Amino acid sequence: MSIIVNGLAWGLRSCQSKLFQSCQDIA
């Protein structure tokens, strides 16, 4: 579970930096 939470946290940072493009790439 911790790995998933860390992944989501990292994804959120990428989202703010790349305007959601990273979000869809992860999802």
PDB file of N, CA and C in Angstrom:
ATOM      1  N   MET A   1       0.831  -1.213   0.000  1.00  0.00           N
ATOM      2  CA  MET A   1       0.000   0.000   0.000  1.00  0.00           C
ATOM      3  C   MET A   1       0.865   1.264   0.000  1.00  0.00           C
ATOM      4  N   SER A   2       1.936   1.232   0.762  1.00  0.00           N
ATOM      5  CA  SER A   2       2.801   2.418   0.849  1.00  0.00           C
ATOM      6  C   SER A   2       3.336   2.801  -0.521  1.00  0.00           C
ATOM      7  N   ILE A   3       3.687   1.788  -1.317  1.00  0.00           N
ATOM      8  CA  ILE A   3       4.238   2.071  -2.647  1.00  0.00           C
ATOM      9  C   ILE A   3       3.193   2.787  -3.500  1.00  0.00           C
ATOM     10  N   ILE A   4       1.944   2.354  -3.396  1.00  0.00           N
ATOM     11  CA  ILE A   4       0.878   2.985  -4.191  1.00  0.00           C
ATOM     12  C   ILE A   4       0.681   4.432  -3.749  1.00  0.00           C
ATOM     13  N   VAL A   5       0.662   4.642  -2.437  1.00  0.00           N
ATOM     14  CA  VAL A   5       0.474   6.002  -1.917  1.00  0.00           C
ATOM     15  C   VAL A   5       1.618   6.898  -2.375  1.00  0.00           C
ATOM     16  N   ASN A   6       2.833   6.396  -2.306  1.00  0.00           N
ATOM     17  CA  ASN A   6       3.993   7.185  -2.740  1.00  0.00           C
ATOM     18  C   ASN A   6       3.874   7.494  -4.228  1.00  0.00           C
ATOM     19  N   GLY A   7       3.408   6.540  -5.002  1.00  0.00           N
ATOM     20  CA  GLY A   7       3.245   6.749  -6.440  1.00  0.00           C
ATOM     21  C   GLY A   7       2.224   7.847  -6.709  1.00  0.00           C
ATOM     22  N   LEU A   8       1.134   7.833  -5.956  1.00  0.00           N
ATOM     23  CA  LEU A   8       0.109   8.859  -6.150  1.00  0.00           C
ATOM     24  C   LEU A   8       0.659  10.227  -5.778  1.00  0.00           C
ATOM     25  N   ALA A   9       1.397  10.299  -4.682  1.00  0.00           N
ATOM     26  CA  ALA A   9       1.972  11.572  -4.244  1.00  0.00           C
ATOM     27  C   ALA A   9       2.926  12.098  -5.311  1.00  0.00           C
ATOM     28  N   TRP A  10       3.754  11.200  -5.880  1.00  0.00           N
ATOM     29  CA  TRP A  10       4.699  11.610  -6.920  1.00  0.00           C
ATOM     30  C   TRP A  10       3.940  12.061  -8.160  1.00  0.00           C
ATOM     31  N   GLY A  11       2.852  11.347  -8.466  1.00  0.00           N
ATOM     32  CA  GLY A  11       2.027  11.696  -9.625  1.00  0.00           C
ATOM     33  C   GLY A  11       1.416  13.080  -9.463  1.00  0.00           C
ATOM     34  N   LEU A  12       0.949  13.373  -8.258  1.00  0.00           N
ATOM     35  CA  LEU A  12       0.338  14.680  -8.026  1.00  0.00           C
ATOM     36  C   LEU A  12       1.358  15.784  -8.264  1.00  0.00           C
ATOM     37  N   ARG A  13       2.584  15.571  -7.831  1.00  0.00           N
ATOM     38  CA  ARG A  13       3.628  16.593  -8.047  1.00  0.00           C
ATOM     39  C   ARG A  13       3.884  16.760  -9.538  1.00  0.00           C
ATOM     40  N   SER A  14       3.899  15.652 -10.259  1.00  0.00           N
ATOM     41  CA  SER A  14       4.135  15.719 -11.700  1.00  0.00           C
ATOM     42  C   SER A  14       2.966  16.426 -12.373  1.00  0.00           C
ATOM     43  N   CYS A  15       1.752  16.193 -11.862  1.00  0.00           N
ATOM     44  CA  CYS A  15       0.566  16.831 -12.440  1.00  0.00           C
ATOM     45  C   CYS A  15       0.710  18.340 -12.360  1.00  0.00           C
ATOM     46  N   GLN A  16       1.064  18.847 -11.191  1.00  0.00           N
ATOM     47  CA  GLN A  16       1.188  20.288 -11.014  1.00  0.00           C
ATOM     48  C   GLN A  16       2.284  20.841 -11.913  1.00  0.00           C
ATOM     49  N   SER A  17       3.298  20.017 -12.176  1.00  0.00           N
ATOM     50  CA  SER A  17       4.426  20.492 -12.964  1.00  0.00           C
ATOM     51  C   SER A  17       4.155  20.392 -14.459  1.00  0.00           C
ATOM     52  N   LYS A  18       3.330  19.408 -14.853  1.00  0.00           N
ATOM     53  CA  LYS A  18       3.104  19.212 -16.293  1.00  0.00           C
ATOM     54  C   LYS A  18       1.632  19.317 -16.661  1.00  0.00           C
ATOM     55  N   LEU A  19       0.840  19.959 -15.803  1.00  0.00           N
ATOM     56  CA  LEU A  19      -0.564  20.210 -16.130  1.00  0.00           C
ATOM     57  C   LEU A  19      -1.311  18.957 -16.548  1.00  0.00           C
ATOM     58  N   PHE A  20      -1.344  17.971 -15.635  1.00  0.00           N
ATOM     59  CA  PHE A  20      -2.185  16.787 -15.817  1.00  0.00           C
ATOM     60  C   PHE A  20      -1.700  15.823 -16.886  1.00  0.00           C
ATOM     61  N   GLN A  21      -0.740  16.177 -17.708  1.00  0.00           N
ATOM     62  CA  GLN A  21      -0.271  15.247 -18.739  1.00  0.00           C
ATOM     63  C   GLN A  21       0.329  14.014 -18.080  1.00  0.00           C
ATOM     64  N   SER A  22       1.067  14.215 -16.990  1.00  0.00           N
ATOM     65  CA  SER A  22       1.674  13.085 -16.292  1.00  0.00           C
ATOM     66  C   SER A  22       0.594  12.235 -15.634  1.00  0.00           C
ATOM     67  N   CYS A  23      -0.476  12.871 -15.182  1.00  0.00           N
ATOM     68  CA  CYS A  23      -1.560  12.133 -14.520  1.00  0.00           C
ATOM     69  C   CYS A  23      -2.109  11.073 -15.458  1.00  0.00           C
ATOM     70  N   GLN A  24      -2.461  11.439 -16.665  1.00  0.00           N
ATOM     71  CA  GLN A  24      -3.037  10.476 -17.600  1.00  0.00           C
ATOM     72  C   GLN A  24      -2.006   9.434 -17.995  1.00  0.00           C
ATOM     73  N   ASP A  25      -0.751   9.812 -18.039  1.00  0.00           N
ATOM     74  CA  ASP A  25       0.299   8.856 -18.409  1.00  0.00           C
ATOM     75  C   ASP A  25       0.406   7.778 -17.335  1.00  0.00           C
ATOM     76  N   ILE A  26       0.279   8.168 -16.067  1.00  0.00           N
ATOM     77  CA  ILE A  26       0.357   7.209 -14.963  1.00  0.00           C
ATOM     78  C   ILE A  26      -0.915   6.363 -14.928  1.00  0.00           C
ATOM     79  N   ALA A  27      -2.064   7.009 -15.108  1.00  0.00           N
ATOM     80  CA  ALA A  27      -3.340   6.298 -15.058  1.00  0.00           C
ATOM     81  C   ALA A  27      -3.482   5.473 -16.316  1.00  0.00           C
TER      82      ALA A  27
END
